[in-house]
């Protein structure tokens, strides 16, 4: 069985059906990593600025007296939920990031990982398995490309002591973050 067929079979057998419960978009464990191109898509659709949508990935590394992180996450509201979750519905559904399109599934290489989700094992086979599989493969390719390009950006930039920088596929982005948020 080829990789695509194997992934599709595993997705089908998960018995996933979205319950529209919003659990994946709410609470403390809902960091949605996004690429610069995904942020741009959301900006175009929502009419918002970059800093209104995204914030630096919250895991920081200290190197040569500088703080660096790799990538961005969608901002959350004061309630801790994704800023685009309203009445358990995504307000940017047609333009949602890869991670949202594929949840509760992700690929680690060729291995399918299924996160805890109330919509799994709720009955018959996953009806949208074909589309989810395509989205999973697109997501993996996009994440691999983002990793490769981010690594290139990191390798070509000098890190200035005392700076705070977000690296992504488009470059090094110096930012100002209050020390208590690092």
C-alpha atoms as a PDB file:
ATOM      1  CA  UNK A   1       0.000   0.000   0.000  1.00  0.00           C
ATOM      2  CA  UNK A   2       1.444   3.405  -0.906  1.00  0.00           C
ATOM      3  CA  UNK A   3       1.890   6.165   1.677  1.00  0.00           C
ATOM      4  CA  UNK A   4      -1.198   8.158   0.660  1.00  0.00           C
ATOM      5  CA  UNK A   5      -3.471   5.103   0.758  1.00  0.00           C
ATOM      6  CA  UNK A   6      -2.069   4.067   4.148  1.00  0.00           C
ATOM      7  CA  UNK A   7      -2.636   7.532   5.633  1.00  0.00           C
ATOM      8  CA  UNK A   8      -6.163   7.704   4.177  1.00  0.00           C
ATOM      9  CA  UNK A   9      -6.993   4.282   5.661  1.00  0.00           C
ATOM     10  CA  UNK A  10      -5.765   5.350   9.105  1.00  0.00           C
ATOM     11  CA  UNK A  11      -7.759   8.596   8.895  1.00  0.00           C
ATOM     12  CA  UNK A  12     -10.878   6.646   7.833  1.00  0.00           C
ATOM     13  CA  UNK A  13     -10.483   4.216  10.730  1.00  0.00           C
ATOM     14  CA  UNK A  14     -10.211   7.066  13.248  1.00  0.00           C
ATOM     15  CA  UNK A  15     -13.957   7.579  12.870  1.00  0.00           C
ATOM     16  CA  UNK A  16     -13.571  11.352  13.026  1.00  0.00           C
ATOM     17  CA  UNK A  17     -16.517  13.688  12.602  1.00  0.00           C
ATOM     18  CA  UNK A  18     -16.205  17.322  13.660  1.00  0.00           C
ATOM     19  CA  UNK A  19     -18.711  18.001  16.425  1.00  0.00           C
ATOM     20  CA  UNK A  20     -18.257  21.787  16.117  1.00  0.00           C
ATOM     21  CA  UNK A  21     -17.541  21.852  19.838  1.00  0.00           C
ATOM     22  CA  UNK A  22     -14.675  24.365  19.608  1.00  0.00           C
ATOM     23  CA  UNK A  23     -12.475  22.321  21.966  1.00  0.00           C
ATOM     24  CA  UNK A  24      -9.551  22.483  19.524  1.00  0.00           C
ATOM     25  CA  UNK A  25      -9.710  26.285  19.422  1.00  0.00           C
ATOM     26  CA  UNK A  26     -10.180  26.981  23.103  1.00  0.00           C
ATOM     27  CA  UNK A  27      -8.271  26.664  26.332  1.00  0.00           C
ATOM     28  CA  UNK A  28      -4.600  26.866  27.163  1.00  0.00           C
ATOM     29  CA  UNK A  29      -3.446  24.187  24.730  1.00  0.00           C
ATOM     30  CA  UNK A  30      -4.457  25.803  21.452  1.00  0.00           C
ATOM     31  CA  UNK A  31      -1.332  27.408  20.038  1.00  0.00           C
ATOM     32  CA  UNK A  32      -1.869  27.538  16.293  1.00  0.00           C
ATOM     33  CA  UNK A  33       1.470  27.808  14.529  1.00  0.00           C
ATOM     34  CA  UNK A  34       1.197  29.702  11.266  1.00  0.00           C
ATOM     35  CA  UNK A  35       3.574  30.399   8.409  1.00  0.00           C
ATOM     36  CA  UNK A  36       4.095  33.852   6.938  1.00  0.00           C
ATOM     37  CA  UNK A  37       2.043  32.886   3.871  1.00  0.00           C
ATOM     38  CA  UNK A  38      -0.828  31.700   6.090  1.00  0.00           C
ATOM     39  CA  UNK A  39      -0.689  34.964   8.029  1.00  0.00           C
ATOM     40  CA  UNK A  40      -0.826  36.871   4.732  1.00  0.00           C
ATOM     41  CA  UNK A  41      -3.866  34.865   3.626  1.00  0.00           C
ATOM     42  CA  UNK A  42      -5.634  35.644   6.903  1.00  0.00           C
ATOM     43  CA  UNK A  43      -4.645  39.321   6.645  1.00  0.00           C
ATOM     44  CA  UNK A  44      -6.158  39.533   3.164  1.00  0.00           C
ATOM     45  CA  UNK A  45      -9.360  37.762   4.219  1.00  0.00           C
ATOM     46  CA  UNK A  46      -9.878  39.447   7.594  1.00  0.00           C
ATOM     47  CA  UNK A  47      -8.564  42.914   6.795  1.00  0.00           C
ATOM     48  CA  UNK A  48      -6.252  42.847   9.799  1.00  0.00           C
ATOM     49  CA  UNK A  49      -2.580  43.750  10.210  1.00  0.00           C
ATOM     50  CA  UNK A  50       0.139  41.165  10.891  1.00  0.00           C
ATOM     51  CA  UNK A  51       0.519  42.110  14.560  1.00  0.00           C
ATOM     52  CA  UNK A  52      -3.264  41.913  15.055  1.00  0.00           C
ATOM     53  CA  UNK A  53      -3.221  38.264  13.916  1.00  0.00           C
ATOM     54  CA  UNK A  54       0.114  36.781  14.919  1.00  0.00           C
ATOM     55  CA  UNK A  55       2.547  36.886  17.787  1.00  0.00           C
ATOM     56  CA  UNK A  56       5.934  35.209  18.203  1.00  0.00           C
ATOM     57  CA  UNK A  57       5.981  31.511  19.044  1.00  0.00           C
ATOM     58  CA  UNK A  58       6.227  31.570  22.860  1.00  0.00           C
ATOM     59  CA  UNK A  59       9.260  29.290  23.316  1.00  0.00           C
ATOM     60  CA  UNK A  60      12.386  31.423  23.440  1.00  0.00           C
ATOM     61  CA  UNK A  61      16.036  30.423  23.194  1.00  0.00           C
ATOM     62  CA  UNK A  62      18.784  32.576  24.660  1.00  0.00           C
ATOM     63  CA  UNK A  63      21.840  32.795  22.435  1.00  0.00           C
ATOM     64  CA  UNK A  64      24.714  35.268  22.785  1.00  0.00           C
ATOM     65  CA  UNK A  65      22.620  37.329  25.190  1.00  0.00           C
ATOM     66  CA  UNK A  66      19.783  37.528  22.641  1.00  0.00           C
ATOM     67  CA  UNK A  67      16.333  35.940  22.714  1.00  0.00           C
ATOM     68  CA  UNK A  68      15.209  34.122  19.582  1.00  0.00           C
ATOM     69  CA  UNK A  69      12.232  32.060  18.523  1.00  0.00           C
ATOM     70  CA  UNK A  70      11.242  30.366  15.309  1.00  0.00           C
ATOM     71  CA  UNK A  71       7.843  31.205  13.914  1.00  0.00           C
ATOM     72  CA  UNK A  72       4.466  32.637  14.750  1.00  0.00           C
ATOM     73  CA  UNK A  73       1.197  31.660  16.395  1.00  0.00           C
ATOM     74  CA  UNK A  74      -2.283  33.095  16.029  1.00  0.00           C
ATOM     75  CA  UNK A  75      -3.128  35.512  18.820  1.00  0.00           C
ATOM     76  CA  UNK A  76      -5.599  34.424  21.441  1.00  0.00           C
ATOM     77  CA  UNK A  77      -8.338  36.483  22.993  1.00  0.00           C
ATOM     78  CA  UNK A  78      -8.536  37.482  26.642  1.00  0.00           C
ATOM     79  CA  UNK A  79     -10.458  34.237  27.259  1.00  0.00           C
ATOM     80  CA  UNK A  80      -7.482  32.185  25.989  1.00  0.00           C
ATOM     81  CA  UNK A  81      -9.364  31.011  22.897  1.00  0.00           C
ATOM     82  CA  UNK A  82      -8.278  31.518  19.311  1.00  0.00           C
ATOM     83  CA  UNK A  83      -9.139  35.056  18.335  1.00  0.00           C
ATOM     84  CA  UNK A  84     -11.130  33.749  15.366  1.00  0.00           C
ATOM     85  CA  UNK A  85     -13.436  31.504  17.424  1.00  0.00           C
ATOM     86  CA  UNK A  86     -16.904  33.027  17.824  1.00  0.00           C
ATOM     87  CA  UNK A  87     -19.870  30.954  19.067  1.00  0.00           C
ATOM     88  CA  UNK A  88     -17.861  27.741  18.482  1.00  0.00           C
ATOM     89  CA  UNK A  89     -17.378  28.684  14.824  1.00  0.00           C
ATOM     90  CA  UNK A  90     -14.272  29.790  12.974  1.00  0.00           C
ATOM     91  CA  UNK A  91     -14.709  33.243  11.476  1.00  0.00           C
ATOM     92  CA  UNK A  92     -11.914  32.574   8.931  1.00  0.00           C
ATOM     93  CA  UNK A  93     -12.928  28.997   8.128  1.00  0.00           C
ATOM     94  CA  UNK A  94     -12.306  29.229   4.363  1.00  0.00           C
ATOM     95  CA  UNK A  95      -8.855  30.724   5.042  1.00  0.00           C
ATOM     96  CA  UNK A  96      -7.879  28.728   8.129  1.00  0.00           C
ATOM     97  CA  UNK A  97      -4.275  27.472   8.479  1.00  0.00           C
ATOM     98  CA  UNK A  98      -3.106  23.943   7.632  1.00  0.00           C
ATOM     99  CA  UNK A  99      -3.032  22.898  11.283  1.00  0.00           C
ATOM    100  CA  UNK A 100      -6.733  23.755  11.619  1.00  0.00           C
ATOM    101  CA  UNK A 101      -7.650  21.977   8.388  1.00  0.00           C
ATOM    102  CA  UNK A 102      -6.062  18.740   9.558  1.00  0.00           C
ATOM    103  CA  UNK A 103      -6.851  18.672  13.276  1.00  0.00           C
ATOM    104  CA  UNK A 104      -6.924  16.235  15.081  1.00  0.00           C
ATOM    105  CA  UNK A 105      -4.453  14.650  12.668  1.00  0.00           C
ATOM    106  CA  UNK A 106      -0.811  15.406  11.912  1.00  0.00           C
ATOM    107  CA  UNK A 107       2.045  13.639  10.195  1.00  0.00           C
ATOM    108  CA  UNK A 108       5.416  13.010  11.780  1.00  0.00           C
ATOM    109  CA  UNK A 109       7.255  11.926   8.660  1.00  0.00           C
ATOM    110  CA  UNK A 110       4.962   9.171   7.412  1.00  0.00           C
ATOM    111  CA  UNK A 111       3.482   8.356  10.821  1.00  0.00           C
ATOM    112  CA  UNK A 112      -0.055   9.575  11.467  1.00  0.00           C
ATOM    113  CA  UNK A 113      -0.576  11.058  14.918  1.00  0.00           C
ATOM    114  CA  UNK A 114      -4.099  11.584  16.213  1.00  0.00           C
ATOM    115  CA  UNK A 115      -4.654  14.101  19.002  1.00  0.00           C
ATOM    116  CA  UNK A 116      -7.361  13.684  21.620  1.00  0.00           C
ATOM    117  CA  UNK A 117     -10.584  15.045  20.211  1.00  0.00           C
ATOM    118  CA  UNK A 118     -14.232  14.483  21.149  1.00  0.00           C
ATOM    119  CA  UNK A 119     -14.933  13.960  17.431  1.00  0.00           C
ATOM    120  CA  UNK A 120     -12.841  10.776  17.156  1.00  0.00           C
ATOM    121  CA  UNK A 121     -14.337   7.300  17.443  1.00  0.00           C
ATOM    122  CA  UNK A 122     -17.879   8.655  17.249  1.00  0.00           C
ATOM    123  CA  UNK A 123     -19.211   6.147  14.780  1.00  0.00           C
ATOM    124  CA  UNK A 124     -18.587   5.145  11.204  1.00  0.00           C
ATOM    125  CA  UNK A 125     -15.455   5.776   9.189  1.00  0.00           C
ATOM    126  CA  UNK A 126     -14.237   9.322   8.578  1.00  0.00           C
ATOM    127  CA  UNK A 127     -16.191  10.569   5.561  1.00  0.00           C
ATOM    128  CA  UNK A 128     -13.755  13.350   4.656  1.00  0.00           C
ATOM    129  CA  UNK A 129     -10.704  11.040   4.790  1.00  0.00           C
ATOM    130  CA  UNK A 130      -9.666  11.744   1.195  1.00  0.00           C
ATOM    131  CA  UNK A 131      -9.636  15.536   1.649  1.00  0.00           C
ATOM    132  CA  UNK A 132      -8.039  15.327   5.110  1.00  0.00           C
ATOM    133  CA  UNK A 133      -5.289  13.112   3.664  1.00  0.00           C
ATOM    134  CA  UNK A 134      -4.595  15.630   0.891  1.00  0.00           C
ATOM    135  CA  UNK A 135      -4.514  18.428   3.453  1.00  0.00           C
ATOM    136  CA  UNK A 136      -2.139  16.419   5.671  1.00  0.00           C
ATOM    137  CA  UNK A 137       0.283  15.912   2.807  1.00  0.00           C
ATOM    138  CA  UNK A 138       0.084  19.611   1.835  1.00  0.00           C
ATOM    139  CA  UNK A 139       0.648  20.558   5.476  1.00  0.00           C
ATOM    140  CA  UNK A 140       3.693  18.302   5.779  1.00  0.00           C
ATOM    141  CA  UNK A 141       5.181  19.734   2.581  1.00  0.00           C
ATOM    142  CA  UNK A 142       4.498  23.318   3.723  1.00  0.00           C
ATOM    143  CA  UNK A 143       5.990  22.676   7.176  1.00  0.00           C
ATOM    144  CA  UNK A 144       9.073  21.025   5.670  1.00  0.00           C
ATOM    145  CA  UNK A 145       9.550  23.979   3.309  1.00  0.00           C
ATOM    146  CA  UNK A 146       9.058  26.487   6.133  1.00  0.00           C
ATOM    147  CA  UNK A 147      11.607  24.622   8.275  1.00  0.00           C
ATOM    148  CA  UNK A 148      14.158  24.529   5.437  1.00  0.00           C
ATOM    149  CA  UNK A 149      13.763  28.221   4.567  1.00  0.00           C
ATOM    150  CA  UNK A 150      13.747  29.307   8.227  1.00  0.00           C
ATOM    151  CA  UNK A 151      16.961  27.372   8.804  1.00  0.00           C
ATOM    152  CA  UNK A 152      18.550  29.180   5.835  1.00  0.00           C
ATOM    153  CA  UNK A 153      17.467  32.543   7.242  1.00  0.00           C
ATOM    154  CA  UNK A 154      18.854  31.679  10.671  1.00  0.00           C
ATOM    155  CA  UNK A 155      22.191  30.586   9.197  1.00  0.00           C
ATOM    156  CA  UNK A 156      22.686  33.744   7.160  1.00  0.00           C
ATOM    157  CA  UNK A 157      21.885  36.333   9.852  1.00  0.00           C
ATOM    158  CA  UNK A 158      24.093  37.579  12.637  1.00  0.00           C
ATOM    159  CA  UNK A 159      22.529  37.773  16.055  1.00  0.00           C
ATOM    160  CA  UNK A 160      23.100  41.034  17.865  1.00  0.00           C
ATOM    161  CA  UNK A 161      23.624  40.771  21.604  1.00  0.00           C
ATOM    162  CA  UNK A 162      20.586  41.909  23.570  1.00  0.00           C
ATOM    163  CA  UNK A 163      18.173  41.636  20.654  1.00  0.00           C
ATOM    164  CA  UNK A 164      14.860  39.782  20.446  1.00  0.00           C
ATOM    165  CA  UNK A 165      14.320  38.125  17.067  1.00  0.00           C
ATOM    166  CA  UNK A 166      11.723  35.953  15.370  1.00  0.00           C
ATOM    167  CA  UNK A 167      13.118  33.865  12.539  1.00  0.00           C
ATOM    168  CA  UNK A 168      10.844  32.583   9.802  1.00  0.00           C
ATOM    169  CA  UNK A 169      11.105  31.700   6.115  1.00  0.00           C
ATOM    170  CA  UNK A 170      11.079  35.369   5.155  1.00  0.00           C
ATOM    171  CA  UNK A 171      13.877  36.522   7.429  1.00  0.00           C
ATOM    172  CA  UNK A 172      14.889  37.752  10.838  1.00  0.00           C
ATOM    173  CA  UNK A 173      12.357  40.034  12.504  1.00  0.00           C
ATOM    174  CA  UNK A 174      13.677  42.099  15.427  1.00  0.00           C
ATOM    175  CA  UNK A 175      10.879  42.828  17.851  1.00  0.00           C
ATOM    176  CA  UNK A 176      10.339  44.510  21.184  1.00  0.00           C
ATOM    177  CA  UNK A 177       8.800  42.287  23.828  1.00  0.00           C
ATOM    178  CA  UNK A 178       8.433  43.260  27.462  1.00  0.00           C
ATOM    179  CA  UNK A 179      10.851  41.140  29.538  1.00  0.00           C
ATOM    180  CA  UNK A 180       8.005  39.655  31.617  1.00  0.00           C
ATOM    181  CA  UNK A 181       6.562  38.059  28.457  1.00  0.00           C
ATOM    182  CA  UNK A 182       9.790  36.239  27.534  1.00  0.00           C
END
